[in-house]
Amino acid sequence: MTETPAIGSSYPRLSTGSSAAVARRLVEIVSLCHGETLSADQLDAVRACVGAQVAATERLHQFPLTNDQEPIFTVNPHGGVPA
């Protein structure tokens, strides 16, 4: 896999071919685990979802963060006491 730094970030960015290889491998794993129970349409939906997730991950990595930045929001469990 070829990596180049993401724009505005020190996080290594995957090349287009590498991103596609990651997506193919993830779909292959799902296929091996659930292939006999998935229809062709469901496998196509998994393929589309995995591709979208890989693209979203690459997009998120374009925004550099430092360790001193506070989160925009926090999550509290249902019925939990706010921190």
N, C-alpha and C. Protein backbone atom coordinates (compact mmCIF):
# COMPACT_ATOMS: atom_id res chain seq x y z
N MET A 1 0.84 -1.18 0.00
CA MET A 1 0.00 0.00 0.00
C MET A 1 0.88 1.24 0.00
N THR A 2 0.58 2.15 -0.89
CA THR A 2 1.33 3.39 -0.99
C THR A 2 0.65 4.44 -0.13
N GLU A 3 1.42 5.11 0.69
CA GLU A 3 0.86 6.12 1.56
C GLU A 3 1.50 7.46 1.27
N THR A 4 0.69 8.51 1.28
CA THR A 4 1.17 9.88 1.16
C THR A 4 0.50 10.68 2.27
N PRO A 5 1.15 11.74 2.79
CA PRO A 5 0.52 12.51 3.85
C PRO A 5 -0.78 13.16 3.38
N ALA A 6 -1.81 13.14 4.24
CA ALA A 6 -3.07 13.80 3.93
C ALA A 6 -2.86 15.31 3.97
N ILE A 7 -3.66 16.02 3.19
CA ILE A 7 -3.56 17.48 3.14
C ILE A 7 -3.86 18.05 4.52
N GLY A 8 -2.96 18.90 5.04
CA GLY A 8 -3.18 19.52 6.34
C GLY A 8 -3.02 18.59 7.52
N SER A 9 -2.49 17.41 7.31
CA SER A 9 -2.38 16.43 8.38
C SER A 9 -1.08 15.66 8.22
N SER A 10 -0.58 15.17 9.34
CA SER A 10 0.61 14.32 9.28
C SER A 10 0.21 12.85 9.15
N TYR A 11 -1.09 12.57 9.14
CA TYR A 11 -1.57 11.20 9.01
C TYR A 11 -1.31 10.73 7.59
N PRO A 12 -0.74 9.54 7.41
CA PRO A 12 -0.48 9.06 6.04
C PRO A 12 -1.78 8.77 5.31
N ARG A 13 -1.85 9.23 4.08
CA ARG A 13 -3.05 9.04 3.27
C ARG A 13 -2.81 7.88 2.32
N LEU A 14 -3.79 6.99 2.21
CA LEU A 14 -3.68 5.86 1.30
C LEU A 14 -3.88 6.33 -0.13
N SER A 15 -3.17 5.72 -1.05
CA SER A 15 -3.39 6.01 -2.46
C SER A 15 -4.75 5.44 -2.86
N THR A 16 -5.25 5.85 -4.01
CA THR A 16 -6.55 5.36 -4.48
C THR A 16 -6.54 3.84 -4.62
N GLY A 17 -5.47 3.30 -5.15
CA GLY A 17 -5.37 1.85 -5.29
C GLY A 17 -5.35 1.14 -3.96
N SER A 18 -4.67 1.74 -2.97
CA SER A 18 -4.60 1.13 -1.65
C SER A 18 -5.96 1.19 -0.95
N SER A 19 -6.67 2.30 -1.11
CA SER A 19 -8.01 2.40 -0.51
C SER A 19 -8.93 1.35 -1.10
N ALA A 20 -8.84 1.15 -2.40
CA ALA A 20 -9.66 0.14 -3.06
C ALA A 20 -9.28 -1.26 -2.57
N ALA A 21 -7.99 -1.49 -2.35
CA ALA A 21 -7.53 -2.79 -1.86
C ALA A 21 -8.05 -3.06 -0.45
N VAL A 22 -8.05 -2.03 0.39
CA VAL A 22 -8.59 -2.17 1.75
C VAL A 22 -10.07 -2.50 1.68
N ALA A 23 -10.82 -1.79 0.84
CA ALA A 23 -12.25 -2.04 0.71
C ALA A 23 -12.51 -3.46 0.20
N ARG A 24 -11.75 -3.90 -0.81
CA ARG A 24 -11.92 -5.26 -1.33
C ARG A 24 -11.64 -6.31 -0.26
N ARG A 25 -10.61 -6.09 0.53
CA ARG A 25 -10.26 -7.05 1.58
C ARG A 25 -11.34 -7.12 2.65
N LEU A 26 -11.89 -5.97 3.03
CA LEU A 26 -12.97 -5.96 4.03
C LEU A 26 -14.21 -6.69 3.51
N VAL A 27 -14.55 -6.46 2.25
CA VAL A 27 -15.70 -7.16 1.65
C VAL A 27 -15.41 -8.66 1.59
N GLU A 28 -14.17 -9.02 1.29
CA GLU A 28 -13.80 -10.44 1.25
C GLU A 28 -13.98 -11.08 2.63
N ILE A 29 -13.62 -10.37 3.68
CA ILE A 29 -13.78 -10.89 5.03
C ILE A 29 -15.26 -11.10 5.35
N VAL A 30 -16.10 -10.13 5.02
CA VAL A 30 -17.54 -10.27 5.25
C VAL A 30 -18.07 -11.45 4.44
N SER A 31 -17.60 -11.57 3.22
CA SER A 31 -18.03 -12.67 2.36
C SER A 31 -17.65 -14.03 2.94
N LEU A 32 -16.44 -14.12 3.47
CA LEU A 32 -16.01 -15.39 4.07
C LEU A 32 -16.82 -15.74 5.31
N CYS A 33 -17.17 -14.73 6.08
CA CYS A 33 -17.92 -14.97 7.33
C CYS A 33 -19.41 -15.20 7.08
N HIS A 34 -19.98 -14.49 6.10
CA HIS A 34 -21.43 -14.51 5.92
C HIS A 34 -21.87 -14.78 4.49
N GLY A 35 -20.94 -15.20 3.64
CA GLY A 35 -21.22 -15.35 2.22
C GLY A 35 -22.39 -16.26 1.90
N GLU A 36 -22.53 -17.34 2.64
CA GLU A 36 -23.61 -18.27 2.33
C GLU A 36 -24.99 -17.73 2.71
N THR A 37 -25.04 -16.72 3.56
CA THR A 37 -26.34 -16.18 3.97
C THR A 37 -26.68 -14.86 3.28
N LEU A 38 -25.73 -14.32 2.49
CA LEU A 38 -25.97 -13.04 1.82
C LEU A 38 -26.35 -13.25 0.37
N SER A 39 -27.37 -12.53 -0.06
CA SER A 39 -27.73 -12.56 -1.48
C SER A 39 -26.77 -11.65 -2.24
N ALA A 40 -26.83 -11.69 -3.55
CA ALA A 40 -25.97 -10.83 -4.37
C ALA A 40 -26.27 -9.36 -4.11
N ASP A 41 -27.55 -9.02 -3.93
CA ASP A 41 -27.93 -7.63 -3.64
C ASP A 41 -27.38 -7.18 -2.28
N GLN A 42 -27.44 -8.08 -1.29
CA GLN A 42 -26.92 -7.74 0.03
C GLN A 42 -25.41 -7.57 -0.01
N LEU A 43 -24.73 -8.41 -0.76
CA LEU A 43 -23.28 -8.28 -0.89
C LEU A 43 -22.91 -6.97 -1.61
N ASP A 44 -23.70 -6.58 -2.59
CA ASP A 44 -23.48 -5.29 -3.25
C ASP A 44 -23.69 -4.14 -2.27
N ALA A 45 -24.68 -4.26 -1.39
CA ALA A 45 -24.93 -3.23 -0.38
C ALA A 45 -23.77 -3.15 0.60
N VAL A 46 -23.23 -4.31 1.00
CA VAL A 46 -22.06 -4.34 1.89
C VAL A 46 -20.88 -3.68 1.20
N ARG A 47 -20.68 -3.99 -0.07
CA ARG A 47 -19.57 -3.42 -0.84
C ARG A 47 -19.69 -1.88 -0.89
N ALA A 48 -20.90 -1.38 -1.12
CA ALA A 48 -21.12 0.07 -1.17
C ALA A 48 -20.88 0.71 0.19
N CYS A 49 -21.34 0.05 1.25
CA CYS A 49 -21.17 0.58 2.60
C CYS A 49 -19.69 0.62 2.99
N VAL A 50 -18.97 -0.44 2.69
CA VAL A 50 -17.54 -0.49 3.01
C VAL A 50 -16.79 0.59 2.24
N GLY A 51 -17.11 0.76 0.97
CA GLY A 51 -16.47 1.80 0.17
C GLY A 51 -16.72 3.18 0.75
N ALA A 52 -17.95 3.43 1.19
CA ALA A 52 -18.29 4.72 1.79
C ALA A 52 -17.54 4.92 3.11
N GLN A 53 -17.39 3.87 3.90
CA GLN A 53 -16.68 3.98 5.17
C GLN A 53 -15.19 4.25 4.97
N VAL A 54 -14.59 3.60 4.00
CA VAL A 54 -13.18 3.84 3.70
C VAL A 54 -12.99 5.28 3.24
N ALA A 55 -13.88 5.77 2.38
CA ALA A 55 -13.80 7.15 1.90
C ALA A 55 -14.00 8.14 3.05
N ALA A 56 -14.95 7.86 3.94
CA ALA A 56 -15.20 8.75 5.08
C ALA A 56 -14.00 8.78 6.02
N THR A 57 -13.37 7.63 6.22
CA THR A 57 -12.18 7.57 7.08
C THR A 57 -11.06 8.42 6.50
N GLU A 58 -10.84 8.30 5.20
CA GLU A 58 -9.81 9.11 4.56
C GLU A 58 -10.14 10.60 4.68
N ARG A 59 -11.41 10.95 4.54
CA ARG A 59 -11.83 12.36 4.67
C ARG A 59 -11.58 12.87 6.08
N LEU A 60 -11.90 12.08 7.10
CA LEU A 60 -11.68 12.50 8.48
C LEU A 60 -10.20 12.71 8.78
N HIS A 61 -9.35 11.92 8.17
CA HIS A 61 -7.91 12.03 8.42
C HIS A 61 -7.31 13.29 7.81
N GLN A 62 -8.08 14.03 7.02
CA GLN A 62 -7.58 15.27 6.43
C GLN A 62 -7.59 16.43 7.43
N PHE A 63 -8.24 16.25 8.56
CA PHE A 63 -8.36 17.31 9.55
C PHE A 63 -7.42 17.03 10.73
N PRO A 64 -6.33 17.77 10.81
CA PRO A 64 -5.36 17.51 11.88
C PRO A 64 -5.93 17.89 13.25
N LEU A 65 -5.64 17.07 14.24
CA LEU A 65 -6.02 17.34 15.63
C LEU A 65 -4.77 17.23 16.49
N THR A 66 -4.76 18.00 17.54
CA THR A 66 -3.67 17.90 18.51
C THR A 66 -4.24 17.32 19.79
N ASN A 67 -3.38 16.86 20.66
CA ASN A 67 -3.83 16.22 21.90
C ASN A 67 -4.50 17.20 22.86
N ASP A 68 -4.32 18.51 22.67
CA ASP A 68 -4.91 19.47 23.60
C ASP A 68 -6.29 19.95 23.16
N GLN A 69 -6.85 19.44 22.07
CA GLN A 69 -8.17 19.87 21.63
C GLN A 69 -9.26 19.08 22.34
N GLU A 70 -10.23 19.81 22.86
CA GLU A 70 -11.35 19.19 23.57
C GLU A 70 -12.35 18.66 22.56
N PRO A 71 -13.08 17.59 22.90
CA PRO A 71 -14.11 17.10 21.98
C PRO A 71 -15.26 18.10 21.87
N ILE A 72 -15.94 18.09 20.73
CA ILE A 72 -17.06 19.00 20.52
C ILE A 72 -18.26 18.56 21.36
N PHE A 73 -18.41 17.27 21.57
CA PHE A 73 -19.53 16.75 22.35
C PHE A 73 -19.07 15.51 23.11
N THR A 74 -19.83 15.16 24.12
CA THR A 74 -19.58 13.92 24.85
C THR A 74 -20.84 13.08 24.81
N VAL A 75 -20.70 11.80 25.02
CA VAL A 75 -21.82 10.88 24.99
C VAL A 75 -22.03 10.35 26.40
N ASN A 76 -23.26 10.44 26.88
CA ASN A 76 -23.63 9.88 28.18
C ASN A 76 -24.55 8.70 27.95
N PRO A 77 -24.36 7.62 28.68
CA PRO A 77 -25.26 6.48 28.52
C PRO A 77 -26.68 6.86 28.92
N HIS A 78 -27.64 6.19 28.30
CA HIS A 78 -29.03 6.45 28.61
C HIS A 78 -29.27 6.27 30.10
N GLY A 79 -29.84 7.28 30.73
CA GLY A 79 -30.12 7.22 32.15
C GLY A 79 -28.91 7.47 33.01
N GLY A 80 -27.78 7.76 32.37
CA GLY A 80 -26.56 7.99 33.12
C GLY A 80 -26.51 9.40 33.69
N VAL A 81 -25.62 9.61 34.59
CA VAL A 81 -25.43 10.92 35.21
C VAL A 81 -24.42 11.68 34.37
N PRO A 82 -24.77 12.92 33.92
CA PRO A 82 -23.81 13.69 33.12
C PRO A 82 -22.51 13.93 33.90
N ALA A 83 -21.42 13.87 33.19
CA ALA A 83 -20.11 14.05 33.83
C ALA A 83 -19.84 15.50 34.15
